[in-house]
C-alpha atoms as a PDB file:
ATOM      1  CA  MET A   1     107.915   4.061-105.232  1.00  0.00           C
ATOM      2  CA  THR A   2     107.862   2.852-101.690  1.00  0.00           C
ATOM      3  CA  ALA A   3     105.065   0.409-100.831  1.00  0.00           C
ATOM      4  CA  ARG A   4     102.777   1.606 -98.301  1.00  0.00           C
ATOM      5  CA  ARG A   5     102.725  -0.362 -94.703  1.00  0.00           C
ATOM      6  CA  ARG A   6     100.678   0.352 -91.600  1.00  0.00           C
ATOM      7  CA  LEU A   7     100.563  -1.129 -88.299  1.00  0.00           C
ATOM      8  CA  VAL A   8      97.366  -0.806 -86.056  1.00  0.00           C
ATOM      9  CA  ARG A   9      96.841  -1.756 -82.327  1.00  0.00           C
ATOM     10  CA  VAL A  10      93.319  -2.150 -80.873  1.00  0.00           C
ATOM     11  CA  PRO A  11      92.475  -3.017 -77.313  1.00  0.00           C
ATOM     12  CA  ALA A  12      90.187  -5.677 -76.020  1.00  0.00           C
ATOM     13  CA  SER A  13      87.236  -4.693 -74.028  1.00  0.00           C
ATOM     14  CA  SER A  14      84.713  -5.797 -71.595  1.00  0.00           C
ATOM     15  CA  ALA A  15      81.013  -4.558 -72.183  1.00  0.00           C
ATOM     16  CA  ASN A  16      78.376  -3.915 -69.688  1.00  0.00           C
ATOM     17  CA  LEU A  17      80.251  -3.940 -66.597  1.00  0.00           C
ATOM     18  CA  GLY A  18      77.606  -5.362 -64.596  1.00  0.00           C
ATOM     19  CA  PRO A  19      74.537  -3.053 -64.538  1.00  0.00           C
ATOM     20  CA  GLY A  20      75.559  -0.895 -67.547  1.00  0.00           C
ATOM     21  CA  TYR A  21      73.872  -3.017 -70.060  1.00  0.00           C
ATOM     22  CA  ASP A  22      74.786  -2.071 -73.659  1.00  0.00           C
ATOM     23  CA  VAL A  23      75.865   1.534 -72.246  1.00  0.00           C
ATOM     24  CA  LEU A  24      79.163   1.000 -70.217  1.00  0.00           C
ATOM     25  CA  ALA A  25      82.467  -0.653 -71.504  1.00  0.00           C
ATOM     26  CA  ALA A  26      86.110  -0.723 -70.449  1.00  0.00           C
ATOM     27  CA  ALA A  27      89.171  -1.220 -72.505  1.00  0.00           C
ATOM     28  CA  LEU A  28      91.444  -3.923 -71.348  1.00  0.00           C
ATOM     29  CA  ALA A  29      95.241  -4.578 -71.635  1.00  0.00           C
ATOM     30  CA  LEU A  30      95.072  -7.126 -74.341  1.00  0.00           C
ATOM     31  CA  GLU A  31      95.630  -6.216 -77.887  1.00  0.00           C
ATOM     32  CA  LEU A  32      94.790  -7.215 -81.486  1.00  0.00           C
ATOM     33  CA  GLU A  33      97.647  -6.194 -83.844  1.00  0.00           C
ATOM     34  CA  LEU A  34      97.215  -5.661 -87.441  1.00  0.00           C
ATOM     35  CA  GLU A  35      99.604  -5.119 -90.190  1.00  0.00           C
ATOM     36  CA  VAL A  36      98.697  -3.976 -93.663  1.00  0.00           C
ATOM     37  CA  SER A  37     101.216  -3.969 -96.370  1.00  0.00           C
ATOM     38  CA  GLU A  38     101.120  -3.296-100.256  1.00  0.00           C
ATOM     39  CA  THR A  39     102.320  -6.558-101.829  1.00  0.00           C
ATOM     40  CA  GLY A  40     100.612  -6.594-105.082  1.00  0.00           C
ATOM     41  CA  GLU A  41      98.468  -9.600-103.944  1.00  0.00           C
ATOM     42  CA  PHE A  42      95.483 -10.176-101.572  1.00  0.00           C
ATOM     43  CA  GLU A  43      96.563 -12.359 -98.423  1.00  0.00           C
ATOM     44  CA  VAL A  44      95.334 -12.822 -95.114  1.00  0.00           C
ATOM     45  CA  ASP A  45      97.384 -14.140 -92.357  1.00  0.00           C
ATOM     46  CA  ALA A  46      95.569 -14.627 -89.230  1.00  0.00           C
ATOM     47  CA  GLY A  47      98.354 -16.111 -87.152  1.00  0.00           C
ATOM     48  CA  PRO A  48      97.629 -18.381 -84.413  1.00  0.00           C
ATOM     49  CA  ASP A  49      93.905 -17.937 -84.982  1.00  0.00           C
ATOM     50  CA  SER A  50      93.970 -19.152 -88.616  1.00  0.00           C
ATOM     51  CA  ASP A  51      92.271 -22.342 -87.978  1.00  0.00           C
ATOM     52  CA  HIS A  52      89.166 -20.283 -86.643  1.00  0.00           C
ATOM     53  CA  LEU A  53      89.388 -17.271 -88.973  1.00  0.00           C
ATOM     54  CA  PRO A  54      88.835 -16.863 -92.761  1.00  0.00           C
ATOM     55  CA  SER A  55      91.571 -16.032 -94.969  1.00  0.00           C
ATOM     56  CA  ASP A  56      89.399 -14.373 -97.742  1.00  0.00           C
ATOM     57  CA  ARG A  57      87.355 -11.219 -97.958  1.00  0.00           C
ATOM     58  CA  SER A  58      85.022 -12.618 -95.652  1.00  0.00           C
ATOM     59  CA  ASN A  59      87.378 -12.071 -92.583  1.00  0.00           C
ATOM     60  CA  LEU A  60      86.045  -9.307 -90.284  1.00  0.00           C
ATOM     61  CA  VAL A  61      89.281  -7.263 -90.547  1.00  0.00           C
ATOM     62  CA  VAL A  62      88.872  -7.099 -94.266  1.00  0.00           C
ATOM     63  CA  ARG A  63      85.232  -6.481 -94.463  1.00  0.00           C
ATOM     64  CA  ALA A  64      85.626  -3.486 -92.198  1.00  0.00           C
ATOM     65  CA  PHE A  65      88.542  -2.226 -94.349  1.00  0.00           C
ATOM     66  CA  GLU A  66      86.588  -2.425 -97.672  1.00  0.00           C
ATOM     67  CA  VAL A  67      83.932  -0.402 -96.206  1.00  0.00           C
ATOM     68  CA  LEU A  68      86.416   2.485 -96.860  1.00  0.00           C
ATOM     69  CA  HIS A  69      88.778   1.169 -99.647  1.00  0.00           C
ATOM     70  CA  PRO A  70      89.381  -1.890-101.596  1.00  0.00           C
ATOM     71  CA  ALA A  71      91.677  -4.573-100.348  1.00  0.00           C
ATOM     72  CA  ASP A  72      93.129  -5.552-103.783  1.00  0.00           C
ATOM     73  CA  GLY A  73      96.840  -5.826-103.639  1.00  0.00           C
ATOM     74  CA  LEU A  74      97.303  -5.940 -99.785  1.00  0.00           C
ATOM     75  CA  ARG A  75      98.636  -8.314 -97.348  1.00  0.00           C
ATOM     76  CA  PHE A  76      96.572  -8.566 -94.046  1.00  0.00           C
ATOM     77  CA  GLU A  77      98.593 -10.043 -90.962  1.00  0.00           C
ATOM     78  CA  ILE A  78      96.768 -10.342 -87.984  1.00  0.00           C
ATOM     79  CA  ARG A  79      98.242 -11.081 -84.497  1.00  0.00           C
ATOM     80  CA  SER A  80      95.694 -11.088 -81.695  1.00  0.00           C
ATOM     81  CA  GLY A  81      95.899 -11.690 -78.017  1.00  0.00           C
ATOM     82  CA  ILE A  82      92.016 -11.381 -77.509  1.00  0.00           C
ATOM     83  CA  PRO A  83      90.382 -14.970 -77.260  1.00  0.00           C
ATOM     84  CA  LEU A  84      87.632 -15.400 -79.802  1.00  0.00           C
ATOM     85  CA  ALA A  85      83.924 -15.672 -78.826  1.00  0.00           C
ATOM     86  CA  ARG A  86      84.570 -15.194 -75.148  1.00  0.00           C
ATOM     87  CA  GLY A  87      82.895 -11.841 -74.522  1.00  0.00           C
ATOM     88  CA  LEU A  88      86.335  -9.778 -74.738  1.00  0.00           C
ATOM     89  CA  GLY A  89      85.425  -7.565 -77.829  1.00  0.00           C
ATOM     90  CA  SER A  90      87.331  -9.741 -80.450  1.00  0.00           C
ATOM     91  CA  SER A  91      84.959  -8.709 -83.335  1.00  0.00           C
ATOM     92  CA  ALA A  92      85.097  -5.087 -82.377  1.00  0.00           C
ATOM     93  CA  ALA A  93      88.730  -4.898 -82.315  1.00  0.00           C
ATOM     94  CA  ALA A  94      88.778  -6.699 -85.760  1.00  0.00           C
ATOM     95  CA  ILE A  95      86.445  -4.208 -86.966  1.00  0.00           C
ATOM     96  CA  VAL A  96      88.018  -1.115 -85.658  1.00  0.00           C
ATOM     97  CA  ALA A  97      91.550  -2.494 -86.907  1.00  0.00           C
ATOM     98  CA  GLY A  98      90.292  -2.652 -90.520  1.00  0.00           C
ATOM     99  CA  LEU A  99      88.674   0.911 -90.238  1.00  0.00           C
ATOM    100  CA  VAL A 100      91.735   2.551 -88.726  1.00  0.00           C
ATOM    101  CA  ALA A 101      94.028   0.729 -91.063  1.00  0.00           C
ATOM    102  CA  ALA A 102      92.130   1.786 -94.096  1.00  0.00           C
ATOM    103  CA  ASP A 103      91.797   5.336 -92.807  1.00  0.00           C
ATOM    104  CA  HIS A 104      95.594   5.655 -92.185  1.00  0.00           C
ATOM    105  CA  LEU A 105      96.798   3.973 -95.226  1.00  0.00           C
ATOM    106  CA  TYR A 106      94.810   6.121 -97.759  1.00  0.00           C
ATOM    107  CA  GLU A 107      95.113   9.232 -95.560  1.00  0.00           C
ATOM    108  CA  LEU A 108      91.067   9.594 -95.292  1.00  0.00           C
ATOM    109  CA  ALA A 109      91.366  11.753 -92.121  1.00  0.00           C
ATOM    110  CA  LEU A 110      88.296  10.376 -90.564  1.00  0.00           C
ATOM    111  CA  SER A 111      87.434  11.423 -87.058  1.00  0.00           C
ATOM    112  CA  GLU A 112      86.913   9.104 -84.270  1.00  0.00           C
ATOM    113  CA  LYS A 113      83.258   9.832 -84.073  1.00  0.00           C
ATOM    114  CA  GLU A 114      83.022   8.952 -87.904  1.00  0.00           C
ATOM    115  CA  LEU A 115      84.912   5.677 -87.119  1.00  0.00           C
ATOM    116  CA  LEU A 116      82.590   5.136 -84.183  1.00  0.00           C
ATOM    117  CA  ALA A 117      79.474   5.460 -86.481  1.00  0.00           C
ATOM    118  CA  LEU A 118      80.852   3.171 -89.102  1.00  0.00           C
ATOM    119  CA  GLY A 119      82.229   0.496 -86.622  1.00  0.00           C
ATOM    120  CA  THR A 120      78.753   0.587 -84.763  1.00  0.00           C
ATOM    121  CA  GLU A 121      76.886   0.086 -88.239  1.00  0.00           C
ATOM    122  CA  ILE A 122      79.101  -3.194 -88.634  1.00  0.00           C
ATOM    123  CA  GLU A 123      78.823  -4.555 -84.958  1.00  0.00           C
ATOM    124  CA  GLY A 124      75.345  -3.513 -84.206  1.00  0.00           C
ATOM    125  CA  HIS A 125      75.987  -2.078 -81.120  1.00  0.00           C
ATOM    126  CA  PRO A 126      78.480   0.732 -80.095  1.00  0.00           C
ATOM    127  CA  ASP A 127      79.904  -0.349 -76.524  1.00  0.00           C
ATOM    128  CA  ASN A 128      82.891  -2.521 -77.551  1.00  0.00           C
ATOM    129  CA  VAL A 129      83.661  -0.520 -80.660  1.00  0.00           C
ATOM    130  CA  ALA A 130      83.721   2.629 -78.609  1.00  0.00           C
ATOM    131  CA  ALA A 131      85.963   1.235 -76.106  1.00  0.00           C
ATOM    132  CA  ALA A 132      88.304  -0.046 -78.674  1.00  0.00           C
ATOM    133  CA  ILE A 133      88.446   3.478 -80.393  1.00  0.00           C
ATOM    134  CA  PHE A 134      88.725   5.726 -77.410  1.00  0.00           C
ATOM    135  CA  GLY A 135      90.182   3.348 -74.551  1.00  0.00           C
ATOM    136  CA  GLY A 136      89.424   3.782 -71.119  1.00  0.00           C
ATOM    137  CA  ILE A 137      86.057   3.645 -69.766  1.00  0.00           C
ATOM    138  CA  VAL A 138      83.185   4.626 -72.111  1.00  0.00           C
ATOM    139  CA  ILE A 139      79.541   5.631 -71.710  1.00  0.00           C
ATOM    140  CA  CYS A 140      77.492   5.007 -74.952  1.00  0.00           C
ATOM    141  CA  ASP A 141      74.067   5.823 -76.305  1.00  0.00           C
ATOM    142  CA  PRO A 142      72.891   2.390 -77.179  1.00  0.00           C
ATOM    143  CA  ILE A 143      69.810   3.749 -79.409  1.00  0.00           C
ATOM    144  CA  PRO A 144      71.170   7.066 -80.600  1.00  0.00           C
ATOM    145  CA  GLU A 145      68.442   9.575 -82.256  1.00  0.00           C
ATOM    146  CA  GLY A 146      69.407   9.878 -86.303  1.00  0.00           C
ATOM    147  CA  GLY A 147      71.295   6.714 -86.027  1.00  0.00           C
ATOM    148  CA  LYS A 148      74.594   8.572 -84.965  1.00  0.00           C
ATOM    149  CA  PRO A 149      76.169   6.910 -82.040  1.00  0.00           C
ATOM    150  CA  ASP A 150      77.570   9.030 -79.181  1.00  0.00           C
ATOM    151  CA  CYS A 151      79.900   8.314 -76.322  1.00  0.00           C
ATOM    152  CA  SER A 152      81.973   9.810 -73.682  1.00  0.00           C
ATOM    153  CA  ARG A 153      85.009   8.610 -72.109  1.00  0.00           C
ATOM    154  CA  PHE A 154      87.502   8.955 -69.168  1.00  0.00           C
ATOM    155  CA  PRO A 155      90.607   7.177 -67.856  1.00  0.00           C
ATOM    156  CA  PRO A 156      90.162   3.961 -65.753  1.00  0.00           C
ATOM    157  CA  PRO A 157      91.098   4.576 -62.046  1.00  0.00           C
ATOM    158  CA  ASP A 158      94.514   4.010 -60.524  1.00  0.00           C
ATOM    159  CA  GLY A 159      94.714   0.986 -58.262  1.00  0.00           C
ATOM    160  CA  LEU A 160      91.941  -0.918 -59.955  1.00  0.00           C
ATOM    161  CA  GLU A 161      92.903  -4.217 -61.858  1.00  0.00           C
ATOM    162  CA  GLY A 162      91.053  -7.071 -63.250  1.00  0.00           C
ATOM    163  CA  VAL A 163      91.526 -10.682 -63.536  1.00  0.00           C
ATOM    164  CA  LEU A 164      89.851 -12.718 -66.445  1.00  0.00           C
ATOM    165  CA  VAL A 165      88.578 -16.287 -66.046  1.00  0.00           C
ATOM    166  CA  ILE A 166      88.089 -17.499 -69.556  1.00  0.00           C
ATOM    167  CA  PRO A 167      86.362 -20.787 -69.704  1.00  0.00           C
ATOM    168  CA  ASN A 168      88.202 -23.021 -72.085  1.00  0.00           C
ATOM    169  CA  SER A 169      85.235 -24.948 -73.843  1.00  0.00           C
ATOM    170  CA  GLU A 170      82.295 -22.635 -73.728  1.00  0.00           C
ATOM    171  CA  GLU A 171      81.502 -20.180 -76.384  1.00  0.00           C
ATOM    172  CA  VAL A 172      78.498 -17.801 -76.286  1.00  0.00           C
ATOM    173  CA  PRO A 173      77.167 -16.239 -79.434  1.00  0.00           C
ATOM    174  CA  THR A 174      76.122 -12.792 -79.144  1.00  0.00           C
ATOM    175  CA  ASP A 175      72.772 -13.406 -80.953  1.00  0.00           C
ATOM    176  CA  GLU A 176      71.989 -16.198 -78.719  1.00  0.00           C
ATOM    177  CA  ALA A 177      72.821 -14.181 -75.459  1.00  0.00           C
ATOM    178  CA  ARG A 178      70.567 -11.378 -76.523  1.00  0.00           C
ATOM    179  CA  GLU A 179      67.604 -13.577 -77.138  1.00  0.00           C
ATOM    180  CA  ALA A 180      67.734 -14.447 -73.572  1.00  0.00           C
ATOM    181  CA  ILE A 181      66.934 -10.813 -72.660  1.00  0.00           C
ATOM    182  CA  PRO A 182      63.083 -10.048 -72.918  1.00  0.00           C
ATOM    183  CA  LYS A 183      61.901  -6.959 -74.794  1.00  0.00           C
ATOM    184  CA  GLN A 184      60.319  -5.597 -71.648  1.00  0.00           C
ATOM    185  CA  ILE A 185      61.751  -5.261 -68.276  1.00  0.00           C
ATOM    186  CA  PRO A 186      59.844  -4.537 -64.870  1.00  0.00           C
ATOM    187  CA  THR A 187      60.254  -1.057 -63.840  1.00  0.00           C
ATOM    188  CA  ARG A 188      61.688  -2.020 -60.610  1.00  0.00           C
ATOM    189  CA  GLU A 189      64.494  -3.897 -62.209  1.00  0.00           C
ATOM    190  CA  ALA A 190      65.246  -1.143 -64.671  1.00  0.00           C
ATOM    191  CA  LEU A 191      65.497   1.430 -61.899  1.00  0.00           C
ATOM    192  CA  GLY A 192      67.719  -0.735 -60.034  1.00  0.00           C
ATOM    193  CA  ASN A 193      70.057  -0.819 -62.677  1.00  0.00           C
ATOM    194  CA  ILE A 194      69.791   2.793 -63.508  1.00  0.00           C
ATOM    195  CA  PHE A 195      70.940   3.631 -60.021  1.00  0.00           C
ATOM    196  CA  SER A 196      73.875   0.785 -59.770  1.00  0.00           C
ATOM    197  CA  ALA A 197      75.168   1.922 -63.320  1.00  0.00           C
ATOM    198  CA  ALA A 198      74.977   5.774 -62.096  1.00  0.00           C
ATOM    199  CA  ARG A 199      76.884   4.816 -58.946  1.00  0.00           C
ATOM    200  CA  LEU A 200      79.177   2.633 -60.714  1.00  0.00           C
ATOM    201  CA  THR A 201      80.234   5.445 -63.179  1.00  0.00           C
ATOM    202  CA  LEU A 202      80.798   7.889 -60.154  1.00  0.00           C
ATOM    203  CA  GLY A 203      83.012   5.421 -58.448  1.00  0.00           C
ATOM    204  CA  LEU A 204      85.042   4.684 -61.667  1.00  0.00           C
ATOM    205  CA  TYR A 205      85.449   8.634 -62.266  1.00  0.00           C
ATOM    206  CA  ARG A 206      86.252   9.140 -58.776  1.00  0.00           C
ATOM    207  CA  GLY A 207      88.537   6.189 -58.258  1.00  0.00           C
ATOM    208  CA  ASP A 208      86.305   5.276 -55.212  1.00  0.00           C
ATOM    209  CA  LEU A 209      86.865   1.487 -55.103  1.00  0.00           C
ATOM    210  CA  GLY A 210      84.451   1.002 -52.120  1.00  0.00           C
ATOM    211  CA  LEU A 211      81.723   2.661 -54.396  1.00  0.00           C
ATOM    212  CA  ILE A 212      82.791   0.504 -57.252  1.00  0.00           C
ATOM    213  CA  ALA A 213      82.574  -2.678 -55.123  1.00  0.00           C
ATOM    214  CA  ALA A 214      78.909  -1.604 -54.128  1.00  0.00           C
ATOM    215  CA  SER A 215      77.703  -1.139 -57.695  1.00  0.00           C
ATOM    216  CA  LEU A 216      78.569  -3.954 -59.631  1.00  0.00           C
ATOM    217  CA  ASN A 217      75.157  -5.731 -59.255  1.00  0.00           C
ATOM    218  CA  ASP A 218      72.928  -6.218 -62.235  1.00  0.00           C
ATOM    219  CA  ASN A 219      69.206  -6.789 -62.644  1.00  0.00           C
ATOM    220  CA  ILE A 220      68.763  -7.156 -66.306  1.00  0.00           C
ATOM    221  CA  HIS A 221      71.101  -9.608 -68.314  1.00  0.00           C
ATOM    222  CA  GLN A 222      73.190 -11.775 -66.111  1.00  0.00           C
ATOM    223  CA  ARG A 223      70.776 -13.738 -64.188  1.00  0.00           C
ATOM    224  CA  ARG A 224      68.632 -14.207 -67.390  1.00  0.00           C
ATOM    225  CA  ARG A 225      71.640 -15.685 -69.267  1.00  0.00           C
ATOM    226  CA  ARG A 226      72.652 -17.976 -66.293  1.00  0.00           C
ATOM    227  CA  ASP A 227      71.817 -21.348 -68.117  1.00  0.00           C
ATOM    228  CA  LEU A 228      74.287 -20.178 -71.002  1.00  0.00           C
ATOM    229  CA  TYR A 229      77.209 -20.113 -68.203  1.00  0.00           C
ATOM    230  CA  PRO A 230      76.271 -21.383 -64.911  1.00  0.00           C
ATOM    231  CA  ARG A 231      79.747 -21.859 -63.766  1.00  0.00           C
ATOM    232  CA  SER A 232      80.589 -18.232 -64.749  1.00  0.00           C
ATOM    233  CA  MET A 233      77.457 -16.985 -62.872  1.00  0.00           C
ATOM    234  CA  GLU A 234      78.421 -18.999 -59.797  1.00  0.00           C
ATOM    235  CA  LEU A 235      81.866 -17.230 -59.701  1.00  0.00           C
ATOM    236  CA  VAL A 236      80.236 -13.859 -60.092  1.00  0.00           C
ATOM    237  CA  GLU A 237      78.240 -14.491 -57.000  1.00  0.00           C
ATOM    238  CA  LYS A 238      81.355 -15.911 -54.978  1.00  0.00           C
ATOM    239  CA  ALA A 239      83.745 -13.576 -56.212  1.00  0.00           C
ATOM    240  CA  PRO A 240      83.847 -11.342 -52.873  1.00  0.00           C
ATOM    241  CA  GLU A 241      84.481 -14.515 -50.826  1.00  0.00           C
ATOM    242  CA  LEU A 242      87.767 -14.703 -52.922  1.00  0.00           C
ATOM    243  CA  GLY A 243      88.930 -11.278 -51.747  1.00  0.00           C
ATOM    244  CA  ALA A 244      87.824  -9.309 -54.899  1.00  0.00           C
ATOM    245  CA  LEU A 245      85.642  -6.216 -55.149  1.00  0.00           C
ATOM    246  CA  GLY A 246      83.082  -8.246 -57.156  1.00  0.00           C
ATOM    247  CA  ALA A 247      82.687  -9.777 -60.606  1.00  0.00           C
ATOM    248  CA  THR A 248      80.715  -9.227 -63.828  1.00  0.00           C
ATOM    249  CA  ILE A 249      80.052 -11.301 -66.962  1.00  0.00           C
ATOM    250  CA  SER A 250      82.200  -9.616 -69.763  1.00  0.00           C
ATOM    251  CA  GLY A 251      79.950  -8.751 -72.504  1.00  0.00           C
ATOM    252  CA  ALA A 252      77.927 -11.634 -73.768  1.00  0.00           C
ATOM    253  CA  GLY A 253      79.915 -14.099 -71.610  1.00  0.00           C
ATOM    254  CA  PRO A 254      81.089 -16.674 -70.655  1.00  0.00           C
ATOM    255  CA  THR A 255      84.398 -14.716 -69.525  1.00  0.00           C
ATOM    256  CA  VAL A 256      84.080 -13.345 -65.992  1.00  0.00           C
ATOM    257  CA  LEU A 257      85.860 -10.034 -65.304  1.00  0.00           C
ATOM    258  CA  VAL A 258      86.882 -10.175 -61.736  1.00  0.00           C
ATOM    259  CA  TRP A 259      87.506  -6.920 -60.180  1.00  0.00           C
ATOM    260  CA  THR A 260      90.398  -6.228 -57.667  1.00  0.00           C
ATOM    261  CA  THR A 261      92.725  -3.825 -56.482  1.00  0.00           C
ATOM    262  CA  TRP A 262      96.442  -4.169 -57.231  1.00  0.00           C
ATOM    263  CA  GLN A 263      97.290  -4.913 -53.889  1.00  0.00           C
ATOM    264  CA  ASP A 264      94.890  -7.888 -53.821  1.00  0.00           C
ATOM    265  CA  ALA A 265      95.323  -9.031 -57.487  1.00  0.00           C
ATOM    266  CA  GLY A 266      97.953 -11.346 -56.686  1.00  0.00           C
ATOM    267  CA  LYS A 267      96.141 -13.447 -54.048  1.00  0.00           C
ATOM    268  CA  VAL A 268      92.895 -13.149 -55.846  1.00  0.00           C
ATOM    269  CA  THR A 269      94.597 -14.733 -58.821  1.00  0.00           C
ATOM    270  CA  GLU A 270      95.999 -17.561 -57.024  1.00  0.00           C
ATOM    271  CA  SER A 271      92.542 -18.156 -55.399  1.00  0.00           C
ATOM    272  CA  LEU A 272      90.999 -18.194 -59.076  1.00  0.00           C
ATOM    273  CA  GLU A 273      93.609 -20.802 -60.163  1.00  0.00           C
ATOM    274  CA  GLU A 274      92.582 -22.975 -57.414  1.00  0.00           C
ATOM    275  CA  ARG A 275      88.839 -22.753 -57.831  1.00  0.00           C
ATOM    276  CA  CYS A 276      88.643 -22.455 -61.773  1.00  0.00           C
ATOM    277  CA  GLY A 277      91.866 -23.657 -62.928  1.00  0.00           C
ATOM    278  CA  ASP A 278      90.564 -27.001 -64.151  1.00  0.00           C
ATOM    279  CA  TRP A 279      87.820 -25.396 -66.448  1.00  0.00           C
ATOM    280  CA  ALA A 280      89.154 -21.845 -67.339  1.00  0.00           C
ATOM    281  CA  GLU A 281      92.280 -19.711 -68.209  1.00  0.00           C
ATOM    282  CA  ILE A 282      93.077 -17.167 -65.643  1.00  0.00           C
ATOM    283  CA  ARG A 283      94.581 -13.911 -66.758  1.00  0.00           C
ATOM    284  CA  ARG A 284      95.567 -10.868 -64.451  1.00  0.00           C
ATOM    285  CA  ILE A 285      94.822  -7.963 -66.851  1.00  0.00           C
ATOM    286  CA  GLY A 286      94.654  -3.960 -66.396  1.00  0.00           C
ATOM    287  CA  PHE A 287      92.081  -1.687 -67.282  1.00  0.00           C
ATOM    288  CA  SER A 288      93.698   0.262 -70.310  1.00  0.00           C
ATOM    289  CA  ASP A 289      93.680   3.918 -71.283  1.00  0.00           C
ATOM    290  CA  GLN A 290      95.151   2.965 -74.539  1.00  0.00           C
ATOM    291  CA  ARG A 291      93.116   3.811 -77.571  1.00  0.00           C
ATOM    292  CA  ALA A 292      93.268   2.438 -81.131  1.00  0.00           C
ATOM    293  CA  ASP A 293      96.772   3.410 -82.307  1.00  0.00           C
ATOM    294  CA  VAL A 294      98.782   3.540 -85.267  1.00  0.00           C
ATOM    295  CA  PRO A 295     102.567   3.644 -84.082  1.00  0.00           C
ATOM    296  CA  GLU A 296     105.318   4.803 -86.430  1.00  0.00           C
ATOM    297  CA  LEU A 297     107.133   1.884 -88.254  1.00  0.00           C
END
C-alpha cells in the first residue's frame, strides 16, 4: 500500500491594513510550505526555524492537524519564508497548513468556511486565518453571532505592491499588543476608522491608488501601541516622504507594510534600505491572490 503524502502551501498575511482593525487583512507573497508523509513514526522537522519552534505535538502545525486527526506515524516537514512573531500571520499560516493537510490527507472534504471556523477557534481571531485560507483581500466579522466567523474576499488590485520593513530584534506578542487597546473607544475615533476602512475597501476593490493612499490612517490601534515599536511608528508617519502611498503596522507589529505602486517600488525600497537597513530587513513583496493550496505531488 502506497504511503500517503501531501504538500500544502499557505500565504503570509498582513492584518488590519491601517483602519480595518480586526476586520481587514491581505494575503502576501510569502509562503509556509508543509509536507506531511506517512512514515510510521511521528516526527517534526521545522527546517531553518527548528531552534525557535517545538518538535513535538505542541508545534502549532501539529496541534491544528490533530484537531481533525491523530498525527501518529506522520512526519511533518515545515519550510517557512514567513518571519516569526513579526505581525505577518505566521501562526495563522501554521494553523491553516495543519488543518488543510489533515483535511486532504484523510479526505474529510471540509468546506473553506468550516476550515475558517476551526482556524479562528484556535487563533482567536479570523482576519489572518481568513487571508491564509482565501487569499486576496478579506473583510471579516471579528465577533460573529453564534460564533461562526464570516468573511468576504476579492483579489488585490493590479499595480499595487508592498515593501516590508521587518525589525531585526523586536518581537511583539499579540497578547501584549491587544492589552494596549482600551475596551472603550471614543465615538469620534471609531467613526473616523469606519470612514477610512470603508473608503480603503472601496479603493482596493476599484484599484484606485489615490483613494488607497488617502485611506490608510488609523485612530484606534497604531498610536496606542507606539511605545511597543517607536521606530516602526515613525516610519509609518514618514512613509509618504519616501515616495510611498503610505504605510501601516502589519498586524500586531512590529513589521511595517509600506504601500507603493509597482512603478515606484524600486526607489521606495532603496530609500527604505538607506533609512532602515541598519535595524531592519527590507523585502519588496506583492499582495497575493493565492489561497491555501495543495499542489499535486
